[in-house]
Amino acid sequence: MARSGHERRAANRIRTGPAQPRLSAAATGQDLAPAGAGASAGGCAMKNTAHPAARIKALRAAWQQRPARERRTLLAGGTFLALLVLWQGAIAPAWSVWREAPARQARIDAQTRQMLQLQAQVQSLQVTTRIGRREALTQLQNAADTWLGPGAQLQPQGEQVLVTLKAAPASGLARWLAVARNQAQSQALQAQLQRSDPSTSDRSEVLWQGTLLMRLP
């Protein structure tokens, strides 16, 4: 008995089973990348890990392939640059110091001489030759006869001397005190002075009378 078309299709589905769906590459978990990709990555890794000796060998080979004239030019340029760096870094500063050494030494010598001269002057001012008491009295008496007038009298009293003034001019008294301090090395310990009566003298200059107590050296 002949089957209808619908029955034949149902029978075919029963024999073959249900249609299996196709799985994508992502569902199966399989890597569908081209086979050449792995090989390319491996080549890059090997290239990056190449030994430095190979690079040095390649540079040497490239250097040997250059013309001799070009190699001499490069060597001369490198030598010049090395010498220039050496000059600026080490030789030039030392040369500058050596060249300026004589002038610097001359300045130091001049400053030293000036300091020695100042030191000698200070020492000469500090060190004063001491004179004897008799010589000091002689200088005081001579200066009194010259500047204090005929009324001045000196009376030695051990290490001191009492000077009595009568109508001594002010300018003469100032000069006598300068001689006593600088030459006779005497200092005034006590002074009792007063101005003389101007009516007793025809001179217009100020006159002094009284006593001075001087310490002898």
Protein backbone atom coordinates (compact mmCIF):
# COMPACT_ATOMS: atom_id res chain seq x y z
CA MET A 1 0.00 0.00 0.00
CA ALA A 2 1.41 3.30 -0.98
CA ARG A 3 2.37 5.75 1.83
CA SER A 4 1.62 9.35 1.74
CA GLY A 5 4.35 11.97 1.67
CA HIS A 6 3.75 12.93 5.27
CA GLU A 7 4.22 9.39 6.50
CA ARG A 8 7.44 8.93 4.56
CA ARG A 9 8.98 12.06 6.13
CA ALA A 10 8.03 10.90 9.63
CA ALA A 11 9.61 7.51 9.00
CA ASN A 12 12.85 9.12 7.84
CA ARG A 13 13.07 11.24 11.04
CA ILE A 14 12.65 8.15 13.18
CA ARG A 15 15.51 6.32 11.40
CA THR A 16 17.99 9.15 11.36
CA GLY A 17 17.19 10.68 14.79
CA PRO A 18 16.86 14.36 15.60
CA ALA A 19 19.20 16.80 13.90
CA GLN A 20 22.28 17.67 16.00
CA PRO A 21 22.90 21.39 16.39
CA ARG A 22 26.26 22.75 15.26
CA LEU A 23 28.51 24.03 18.05
CA SER A 24 30.52 27.20 17.60
CA ALA A 25 34.21 27.37 18.12
CA ALA A 26 33.75 29.30 21.38
CA ALA A 27 31.43 26.58 22.77
CA THR A 28 33.82 23.74 22.01
CA GLY A 29 36.74 25.56 23.70
CA GLN A 30 39.05 24.78 20.80
CA ASP A 31 41.56 27.37 19.60
CA LEU A 32 40.85 28.06 15.99
CA ALA A 33 43.78 30.43 15.51
CA PRO A 34 45.88 29.86 12.40
CA ALA A 35 48.76 27.54 12.76
CA GLY A 36 51.24 30.18 11.58
CA ALA A 37 50.53 32.49 14.56
CA GLY A 38 52.35 30.28 17.08
CA ALA A 39 55.35 29.96 14.85
CA SER A 40 55.57 33.73 14.44
CA ALA A 41 55.48 34.33 18.23
CA GLY A 42 58.19 31.77 18.80
CA GLY A 43 60.39 33.46 16.21
CA CYS A 44 60.06 36.85 17.95
CA ALA A 45 61.00 35.34 21.31
CA MET A 46 64.11 33.74 19.84
CA LYS A 47 65.06 36.99 18.16
CA ASN A 48 64.79 38.98 21.42
CA THR A 49 66.90 36.48 23.34
CA ALA A 50 69.74 36.46 20.86
CA HIS A 51 73.20 36.52 22.53
CA PRO A 52 75.02 39.94 22.59
CA ALA A 53 78.07 38.27 21.11
CA ALA A 54 76.19 37.90 17.84
CA ARG A 55 75.53 41.64 17.74
CA ILE A 56 79.16 42.43 18.47
CA LYS A 57 80.21 40.06 15.73
CA ALA A 58 77.81 41.76 13.34
CA LEU A 59 79.19 45.21 14.25
CA ARG A 60 82.74 44.01 13.67
CA ALA A 61 81.79 42.61 10.33
CA ALA A 62 80.12 45.89 9.37
CA TRP A 63 83.25 47.79 10.48
CA GLN A 64 85.52 45.57 8.41
CA GLN A 65 83.30 46.08 5.38
CA ARG A 66 83.81 49.86 5.51
CA PRO A 67 86.55 51.34 3.32
CA ALA A 68 89.94 51.86 4.96
CA ARG A 69 89.82 55.62 4.39
CA GLU A 70 86.45 55.91 6.11
CA ARG A 71 87.70 53.87 9.07
CA ARG A 72 90.75 56.13 9.45
CA THR A 73 88.51 59.20 9.37
CA LEU A 74 86.22 57.80 12.06
CA LEU A 75 89.18 56.82 14.25
CA ALA A 76 90.70 60.29 13.91
CA GLY A 77 87.40 61.93 14.84
CA GLY A 78 86.95 59.70 17.88
CA THR A 79 90.50 60.36 19.03
CA PHE A 80 89.99 64.12 18.67
CA LEU A 81 86.79 64.02 20.73
CA ALA A 82 88.49 61.96 23.45
CA LEU A 83 91.40 64.40 23.64
CA LEU A 84 88.99 67.35 23.77
CA VAL A 85 87.10 65.85 26.70
CA LEU A 86 90.38 65.07 28.47
CA TRP A 87 91.61 68.65 27.97
CA GLN A 88 88.45 70.29 29.25
CA GLY A 89 88.01 67.92 32.18
CA ALA A 90 91.55 67.53 33.54
CA ILE A 91 94.34 69.34 31.70
CA ALA A 92 92.79 72.81 31.26
CA PRO A 93 92.02 73.43 34.98
CA ALA A 94 95.51 72.29 36.02
CA TRP A 95 97.09 74.45 33.31
CA SER A 96 95.11 77.49 34.49
CA VAL A 97 96.24 76.99 38.09
CA TRP A 98 99.88 76.56 37.02
CA ARG A 99 99.76 79.67 34.80
CA GLU A 100 98.28 81.87 37.56
CA ALA A 101 100.59 80.53 40.28
CA PRO A 102 103.35 83.21 39.91
CA ALA A 103 100.91 86.13 40.12
CA ARG A 104 99.11 84.55 43.07
CA GLN A 105 102.41 83.94 44.85
CA ALA A 106 103.45 87.56 44.24
CA ARG A 107 100.23 88.81 45.81
CA ILE A 108 100.72 86.54 48.80
CA ASP A 109 104.31 87.76 49.24
CA ALA A 110 103.18 91.40 49.08
CA GLN A 111 100.49 90.80 51.68
CA THR A 112 103.00 88.99 53.90
CA ARG A 113 105.48 91.87 53.70
CA GLN A 114 102.74 94.36 54.53
CA MET A 115 101.65 92.32 57.54
CA LEU A 116 105.25 92.07 58.76
CA GLN A 117 105.68 95.83 58.44
CA LEU A 118 102.49 96.45 60.41
CA GLN A 119 103.62 93.97 63.04
CA ALA A 120 106.98 95.72 63.35
CA GLN A 121 105.25 99.08 63.74
CA VAL A 122 102.96 97.74 66.45
CA GLN A 123 105.89 96.20 68.29
CA SER A 124 107.85 99.44 68.07
CA LEU A 125 104.91 101.28 69.60
CA GLN A 126 104.46 98.71 72.34
CA VAL A 127 108.11 98.42 73.29
CA THR A 128 109.34 101.72 74.73
CA THR A 129 112.87 102.14 75.97
CA ARG A 130 112.78 102.78 79.66
CA ILE A 131 114.85 105.71 80.90
CA GLY A 132 116.35 106.23 84.34
CA ARG A 133 114.89 108.44 87.02
CA ARG A 134 117.83 110.86 86.92
CA GLU A 135 117.47 111.28 83.16
CA ALA A 136 113.73 111.87 83.54
CA LEU A 137 114.35 114.60 86.15
CA THR A 138 116.88 116.25 83.85
CA GLN A 139 114.40 116.31 80.95
CA LEU A 140 111.64 117.69 83.18
CA GLN A 141 113.91 120.42 84.53
CA ASN A 142 115.11 121.46 81.07
CA ALA A 143 111.56 121.56 79.73
CA ALA A 144 110.42 123.58 82.77
CA ASP A 145 113.16 126.16 82.22
CA THR A 146 112.07 126.45 78.58
CA TRP A 147 108.25 126.46 78.85
CA LEU A 148 107.15 127.17 82.44
CA GLY A 149 109.01 130.40 83.11
CA PRO A 150 111.51 131.37 85.83
CA GLY A 151 109.06 130.77 88.69
CA ALA A 152 108.79 126.97 88.16
CA GLN A 153 110.48 124.73 90.74
CA LEU A 154 110.91 120.92 90.83
CA GLN A 155 111.27 119.06 94.13
CA PRO A 156 112.03 115.30 93.84
CA GLN A 157 110.19 113.10 96.40
CA GLY A 158 111.36 109.54 95.88
CA GLU A 159 109.46 108.11 92.89
CA GLN A 160 107.60 111.38 92.47
CA VAL A 161 108.40 115.01 91.81
CA LEU A 162 106.45 118.07 92.95
CA VAL A 163 106.30 120.88 90.41
CA THR A 164 105.43 124.38 91.66
CA LEU A 165 104.14 126.86 89.09
CA LYS A 166 104.07 130.66 89.31
CA ALA A 167 102.53 132.53 86.39
CA ALA A 168 103.15 129.70 83.94
CA PRO A 169 101.71 130.39 80.46
CA ALA A 170 98.97 127.98 79.34
CA SER A 171 100.68 127.14 76.03
CA GLY A 172 103.99 126.49 77.80
CA LEU A 173 102.28 124.24 80.37
CA ALA A 174 100.71 122.18 77.57
CA ARG A 175 104.09 121.70 75.88
CA TRP A 176 105.79 120.81 79.18
CA LEU A 177 103.17 118.12 79.88
CA ALA A 178 103.74 116.68 76.38
CA VAL A 179 107.50 116.45 77.05
CA ALA A 180 106.84 114.85 80.45
CA ARG A 181 104.58 112.20 78.91
CA ASN A 182 106.45 111.37 75.69
CA GLN A 183 110.11 111.87 76.61
CA ALA A 184 110.43 111.77 80.40
CA GLN A 185 107.82 108.98 80.66
CA SER A 186 106.16 110.74 83.58
CA GLN A 187 102.47 110.96 84.40
CA ALA A 188 100.54 113.56 86.36
CA LEU A 189 99.10 112.10 89.56
CA GLN A 190 97.61 115.24 91.06
CA ALA A 191 97.05 118.83 89.92
CA GLN A 192 96.07 121.87 91.95
CA LEU A 193 96.04 124.81 89.57
CA GLN A 194 94.30 128.13 89.35
CA ARG A 195 94.49 131.08 87.05
CA SER A 196 96.83 133.88 88.03
CA ASP A 197 95.53 137.41 88.53
CA PRO A 198 95.82 139.02 85.07
CA SER A 199 96.51 142.41 86.70
CA THR A 200 99.91 141.18 87.85
CA SER A 201 101.11 140.68 84.28
CA ASP A 202 101.02 142.69 81.10
CA ARG A 203 100.64 139.57 78.98
CA SER A 204 97.25 138.74 77.46
CA GLU A 205 97.86 134.95 77.61
CA VAL A 206 96.26 132.89 80.37
CA LEU A 207 98.67 132.14 83.23
CA TRP A 208 98.51 129.32 85.76
CA GLN A 209 99.81 128.88 89.26
CA GLY A 210 99.72 125.97 91.67
CA THR A 211 101.32 122.53 91.98
CA LEU A 212 101.63 119.33 89.94
CA LEU A 213 102.56 115.95 91.37
CA MET A 214 104.29 113.80 88.73
CA ARG A 215 105.23 110.12 88.89
CA LEU A 216 108.71 109.30 87.66
CA PRO A 217 109.56 106.17 85.62
